[in-house]
């Protein structure tokens, strides 16, 4: 009976790690789309293409530009919130698995 309960707990933790990973990826992809939509009117097509090629820089700088200059804090919330929120969920799941000594 204990073996079944432990397997159910491990499965629930695995689902939390999957949800956290999906949250991270979704936050980054959605943030990249939002930041590219901000860069395109400001710089043009070349800037939009460069923002996709230089995605890490775009995701770091453009949400802050949108918040401070354009007063649009939504891209910052999506980029940083999705990434860090999903990362925290993944971290908690991994720590719980380690605590159960499954890894």
N, C-alpha and C. Protein backbone atom coordinates (compact mmCIF):
# COMPACT_ATOMS: atom_id res chain seq x y z
N UNK A 1 0.82 -1.19 0.00
CA UNK A 1 0.00 0.00 0.00
C UNK A 1 0.87 1.27 0.00
N UNK A 2 1.94 1.24 0.80
CA UNK A 2 2.82 2.40 0.86
C UNK A 2 3.48 2.65 -0.49
N UNK A 3 3.83 1.60 -1.20
CA UNK A 3 4.45 1.72 -2.51
C UNK A 3 3.53 2.45 -3.49
N UNK A 4 2.24 2.16 -3.44
CA UNK A 4 1.27 2.81 -4.32
C UNK A 4 1.15 4.29 -3.98
N UNK A 5 1.12 4.61 -2.69
CA UNK A 5 1.00 6.01 -2.27
C UNK A 5 2.24 6.80 -2.70
N UNK A 6 3.42 6.20 -2.54
CA UNK A 6 4.65 6.88 -2.95
C UNK A 6 4.65 7.11 -4.46
N UNK A 7 4.19 6.13 -5.24
CA UNK A 7 4.12 6.31 -6.69
C UNK A 7 3.15 7.41 -7.08
N UNK A 8 2.04 7.53 -6.38
CA UNK A 8 1.08 8.59 -6.66
C UNK A 8 1.70 9.96 -6.35
N UNK A 9 2.42 10.04 -5.23
CA UNK A 9 3.07 11.30 -4.87
C UNK A 9 4.13 11.67 -5.89
N UNK A 10 4.93 10.70 -6.32
CA UNK A 10 5.97 10.95 -7.32
C UNK A 10 5.34 11.39 -8.64
N UNK A 11 4.22 10.78 -9.03
CA UNK A 11 3.54 11.18 -10.25
C UNK A 11 3.02 12.61 -10.15
N UNK A 12 2.51 12.99 -9.00
CA UNK A 12 2.02 14.37 -8.81
C UNK A 12 3.19 15.36 -8.88
N UNK A 13 4.32 15.00 -8.31
CA UNK A 13 5.49 15.87 -8.37
C UNK A 13 5.99 15.98 -9.80
N UNK A 14 5.99 14.87 -10.55
CA UNK A 14 6.40 14.91 -11.95
C UNK A 14 5.49 15.83 -12.76
N UNK A 15 4.20 15.82 -12.46
CA UNK A 15 3.26 16.71 -13.14
C UNK A 15 3.58 18.17 -12.79
N UNK A 16 3.95 18.43 -11.54
CA UNK A 16 4.30 19.81 -11.18
C UNK A 16 5.55 20.27 -11.92
N UNK A 17 6.52 19.39 -12.11
CA UNK A 17 7.72 19.74 -12.87
C UNK A 17 7.36 20.01 -14.32
N UNK A 18 6.46 19.21 -14.88
CA UNK A 18 6.02 19.42 -16.26
C UNK A 18 5.28 20.75 -16.39
N UNK A 19 4.41 21.06 -15.45
CA UNK A 19 3.67 22.33 -15.49
C UNK A 19 4.63 23.51 -15.36
N UNK A 20 5.61 23.40 -14.50
CA UNK A 20 6.61 24.46 -14.36
C UNK A 20 7.41 24.67 -15.62
N UNK A 21 7.79 23.58 -16.27
CA UNK A 21 8.54 23.67 -17.52
C UNK A 21 7.69 24.31 -18.61
N UNK A 22 6.45 23.91 -18.70
CA UNK A 22 5.54 24.51 -19.69
C UNK A 22 5.36 26.00 -19.39
N UNK A 23 5.27 26.37 -18.11
CA UNK A 23 5.16 27.77 -17.74
C UNK A 23 6.38 28.58 -18.15
N UNK A 24 7.56 28.01 -17.96
CA UNK A 24 8.79 28.69 -18.37
C UNK A 24 8.82 28.90 -19.87
N UNK A 25 8.56 27.84 -20.62
CA UNK A 25 8.61 27.93 -22.08
C UNK A 25 7.54 28.87 -22.61
N UNK A 26 6.33 28.78 -22.07
CA UNK A 26 5.25 29.64 -22.52
C UNK A 26 5.55 31.11 -22.21
N UNK A 27 6.11 31.38 -21.04
CA UNK A 27 6.47 32.75 -20.69
C UNK A 27 7.51 33.33 -21.61
N UNK A 28 8.50 32.53 -21.97
CA UNK A 28 9.57 33.01 -22.85
C UNK A 28 9.03 33.21 -24.27
N UNK A 29 8.26 32.26 -24.78
CA UNK A 29 7.74 32.39 -26.15
C UNK A 29 6.77 33.57 -26.25
N UNK A 30 5.84 33.66 -25.32
CA UNK A 30 4.87 34.75 -25.33
C UNK A 30 5.58 36.09 -25.14
N UNK A 31 6.57 36.12 -24.26
CA UNK A 31 7.34 37.33 -24.06
C UNK A 31 8.10 37.74 -25.31
N UNK A 32 8.65 36.77 -26.03
CA UNK A 32 9.37 37.09 -27.27
C UNK A 32 8.41 37.65 -28.32
N UNK A 33 7.21 37.09 -28.39
CA UNK A 33 6.21 37.62 -29.33
C UNK A 33 5.83 39.05 -28.94
N UNK A 34 5.58 39.29 -27.67
CA UNK A 34 5.21 40.64 -27.22
C UNK A 34 6.33 41.64 -27.45
N UNK A 35 7.55 41.26 -27.14
CA UNK A 35 8.65 42.19 -27.31
C UNK A 35 8.93 42.47 -28.78
N UNK A 36 8.74 41.47 -29.64
CA UNK A 36 8.91 41.70 -31.07
C UNK A 36 7.84 42.66 -31.58
N UNK A 37 6.62 42.56 -31.04
CA UNK A 37 5.56 43.50 -31.43
C UNK A 37 5.86 44.91 -30.94
N UNK A 38 6.63 45.05 -29.89
CA UNK A 38 7.02 46.37 -29.41
C UNK A 38 8.16 46.93 -30.26
N UNK A 39 9.09 46.07 -30.66
CA UNK A 39 10.25 46.51 -31.43
C UNK A 39 9.86 46.87 -32.87
N UNK A 40 8.93 46.15 -33.47
CA UNK A 40 8.59 46.36 -34.88
C UNK A 40 8.14 47.78 -35.19
N UNK A 41 7.18 48.37 -34.45
CA UNK A 41 6.81 49.75 -34.79
C UNK A 41 7.93 50.77 -34.51
N UNK A 42 8.78 50.47 -33.53
CA UNK A 42 9.83 51.42 -33.16
C UNK A 42 11.00 51.41 -34.13
N UNK A 43 11.41 50.23 -34.58
CA UNK A 43 12.63 50.12 -35.39
C UNK A 43 12.33 49.61 -36.80
N UNK A 44 11.29 48.82 -36.99
CA UNK A 44 10.96 48.32 -38.31
C UNK A 44 11.23 46.83 -38.44
N UNK A 45 11.17 46.36 -39.66
CA UNK A 45 11.31 44.93 -39.94
C UNK A 45 12.69 44.40 -39.57
N UNK A 46 13.72 45.16 -39.87
CA UNK A 46 15.08 44.73 -39.53
C UNK A 46 15.22 44.58 -38.01
N UNK A 47 14.66 45.51 -37.27
CA UNK A 47 14.71 45.43 -35.81
C UNK A 47 13.94 44.23 -35.28
N UNK A 48 12.80 43.93 -35.91
CA UNK A 48 12.02 42.77 -35.49
C UNK A 48 12.78 41.47 -35.74
N UNK A 49 13.44 41.39 -36.88
CA UNK A 49 14.23 40.19 -37.19
C UNK A 49 15.40 40.07 -36.22
N UNK A 50 16.07 41.19 -35.96
CA UNK A 50 17.18 41.17 -35.00
C UNK A 50 16.71 40.84 -33.59
N UNK A 51 15.50 41.27 -33.25
CA UNK A 51 15.01 40.96 -31.91
C UNK A 51 14.76 39.47 -31.73
N UNK A 52 14.40 38.79 -32.80
CA UNK A 52 14.23 37.34 -32.72
C UNK A 52 15.59 36.65 -32.68
N UNK A 53 16.53 37.12 -33.49
CA UNK A 53 17.86 36.51 -33.51
C UNK A 53 18.58 36.73 -32.17
N UNK A 54 18.43 37.92 -31.62
CA UNK A 54 19.07 38.25 -30.34
C UNK A 54 18.05 38.14 -29.20
N UNK A 55 17.36 37.03 -29.14
CA UNK A 55 16.26 36.83 -28.19
C UNK A 55 16.65 37.07 -26.73
N UNK A 56 17.79 36.60 -26.24
CA UNK A 56 18.10 36.84 -24.82
C UNK A 56 18.20 38.33 -24.49
N UNK A 57 18.83 39.10 -25.38
CA UNK A 57 18.96 40.54 -25.14
C UNK A 57 17.58 41.20 -25.22
N UNK A 58 16.79 40.77 -26.19
CA UNK A 58 15.45 41.31 -26.37
C UNK A 58 14.61 41.06 -25.12
N UNK A 59 14.64 39.85 -24.60
CA UNK A 59 13.83 39.51 -23.43
C UNK A 59 14.33 40.20 -22.17
N UNK A 60 15.58 40.63 -22.17
CA UNK A 60 16.13 41.32 -21.01
C UNK A 60 15.83 42.82 -21.04
N UNK A 61 15.94 43.45 -22.20
CA UNK A 61 15.88 44.91 -22.30
C UNK A 61 14.49 45.43 -22.65
N UNK A 62 13.84 44.85 -23.64
CA UNK A 62 12.61 45.42 -24.18
C UNK A 62 11.45 45.46 -23.17
N UNK A 63 11.24 44.45 -22.32
CA UNK A 63 10.15 44.58 -21.34
C UNK A 63 10.34 45.77 -20.40
N UNK A 64 11.58 46.05 -20.02
CA UNK A 64 11.85 47.21 -19.17
C UNK A 64 11.61 48.51 -19.95
N UNK A 65 11.99 48.53 -21.21
CA UNK A 65 11.72 49.70 -22.06
C UNK A 65 10.21 49.94 -22.16
N UNK A 66 9.46 48.86 -22.39
CA UNK A 66 8.00 48.98 -22.51
C UNK A 66 7.39 49.47 -21.21
N UNK A 67 7.90 49.03 -20.09
CA UNK A 67 7.36 49.45 -18.81
C UNK A 67 7.71 50.88 -18.45
N UNK A 68 8.98 51.23 -18.59
CA UNK A 68 9.43 52.55 -18.17
C UNK A 68 9.07 53.66 -19.16
N UNK A 69 9.22 53.40 -20.44
CA UNK A 69 9.00 54.44 -21.44
C UNK A 69 7.55 54.44 -21.94
N UNK A 70 7.00 53.27 -22.23
CA UNK A 70 5.66 53.18 -22.80
C UNK A 70 4.57 52.97 -21.74
N UNK A 71 4.96 52.82 -20.51
CA UNK A 71 4.02 52.56 -19.39
C UNK A 71 3.17 51.31 -19.63
N UNK A 72 3.75 50.31 -20.24
CA UNK A 72 3.08 49.03 -20.49
C UNK A 72 3.88 47.95 -19.76
N UNK A 73 3.42 47.58 -18.58
CA UNK A 73 4.16 46.63 -17.75
C UNK A 73 3.81 45.18 -18.05
N UNK A 74 2.85 44.94 -18.93
CA UNK A 74 2.41 43.58 -19.23
C UNK A 74 3.54 42.70 -19.79
N UNK A 75 4.36 43.18 -20.75
CA UNK A 75 5.46 42.32 -21.23
C UNK A 75 6.44 41.93 -20.14
N UNK A 76 6.69 42.84 -19.20
CA UNK A 76 7.60 42.52 -18.10
C UNK A 76 7.02 41.43 -17.21
N UNK A 77 5.73 41.53 -16.93
CA UNK A 77 5.06 40.53 -16.11
C UNK A 77 5.08 39.17 -16.80
N UNK A 78 4.82 39.15 -18.10
CA UNK A 78 4.80 37.89 -18.84
C UNK A 78 6.20 37.29 -18.93
N UNK A 79 7.18 38.08 -19.33
CA UNK A 79 8.55 37.54 -19.50
C UNK A 79 9.13 37.04 -18.18
N UNK A 80 9.15 37.92 -17.20
CA UNK A 80 9.79 37.56 -15.94
C UNK A 80 8.89 36.69 -15.06
N UNK A 81 7.60 36.97 -15.06
CA UNK A 81 6.68 36.18 -14.24
C UNK A 81 6.57 34.75 -14.72
N UNK A 82 6.44 34.57 -16.02
CA UNK A 82 6.34 33.20 -16.55
C UNK A 82 7.61 32.42 -16.32
N UNK A 83 8.75 33.06 -16.57
CA UNK A 83 10.02 32.35 -16.44
C UNK A 83 10.32 32.02 -14.98
N UNK A 84 10.23 33.02 -14.11
CA UNK A 84 10.57 32.77 -12.70
C UNK A 84 9.49 31.97 -11.98
N UNK A 85 8.23 32.22 -12.32
CA UNK A 85 7.16 31.43 -11.70
C UNK A 85 7.27 29.95 -12.05
N UNK A 86 7.46 29.67 -13.33
CA UNK A 86 7.64 28.28 -13.75
C UNK A 86 8.91 27.66 -13.18
N UNK A 87 9.96 28.48 -13.09
CA UNK A 87 11.22 27.99 -12.51
C UNK A 87 11.08 27.61 -11.05
N UNK A 88 10.30 28.39 -10.31
CA UNK A 88 10.08 28.08 -8.90
C UNK A 88 9.30 26.79 -8.75
N UNK A 89 8.28 26.60 -9.59
CA UNK A 89 7.49 25.36 -9.54
C UNK A 89 8.38 24.16 -9.87
N UNK A 90 9.23 24.29 -10.89
CA UNK A 90 10.16 23.20 -11.23
C UNK A 90 11.13 22.92 -10.09
N UNK A 91 11.66 23.96 -9.50
CA UNK A 91 12.62 23.81 -8.41
C UNK A 91 12.00 23.10 -7.21
N UNK A 92 10.78 23.49 -6.87
CA UNK A 92 10.10 22.84 -5.74
C UNK A 92 9.87 21.37 -6.06
N UNK A 93 9.45 21.06 -7.29
CA UNK A 93 9.25 19.66 -7.68
C UNK A 93 10.52 18.85 -7.59
N UNK A 94 11.64 19.41 -8.10
CA UNK A 94 12.91 18.69 -8.04
C UNK A 94 13.37 18.49 -6.60
N UNK A 95 13.18 19.51 -5.77
CA UNK A 95 13.58 19.38 -4.37
C UNK A 95 12.75 18.31 -3.65
N UNK A 96 11.46 18.24 -3.96
CA UNK A 96 10.62 17.20 -3.36
C UNK A 96 11.04 15.81 -3.83
N UNK A 97 11.36 15.68 -5.12
CA UNK A 97 11.83 14.38 -5.60
C UNK A 97 13.14 13.98 -4.94
N UNK A 98 14.04 14.95 -4.76
CA UNK A 98 15.30 14.68 -4.11
C UNK A 98 15.07 14.28 -2.65
N UNK A 99 14.10 14.95 -2.02
CA UNK A 99 13.79 14.66 -0.62
C UNK A 99 13.25 13.23 -0.48
N UNK A 100 12.48 12.79 -1.46
CA UNK A 100 11.97 11.41 -1.43
C UNK A 100 13.04 10.40 -1.87
N UNK A 101 14.19 10.91 -2.29
CA UNK A 101 15.31 10.10 -2.77
C UNK A 101 14.93 9.24 -3.97
N UNK A 102 14.13 9.83 -4.87
CA UNK A 102 13.76 9.13 -6.10
C UNK A 102 14.81 9.36 -7.16
N UNK A 103 15.47 10.53 -7.10
CA UNK A 103 16.52 10.86 -8.09
C UNK A 103 17.83 10.29 -7.63
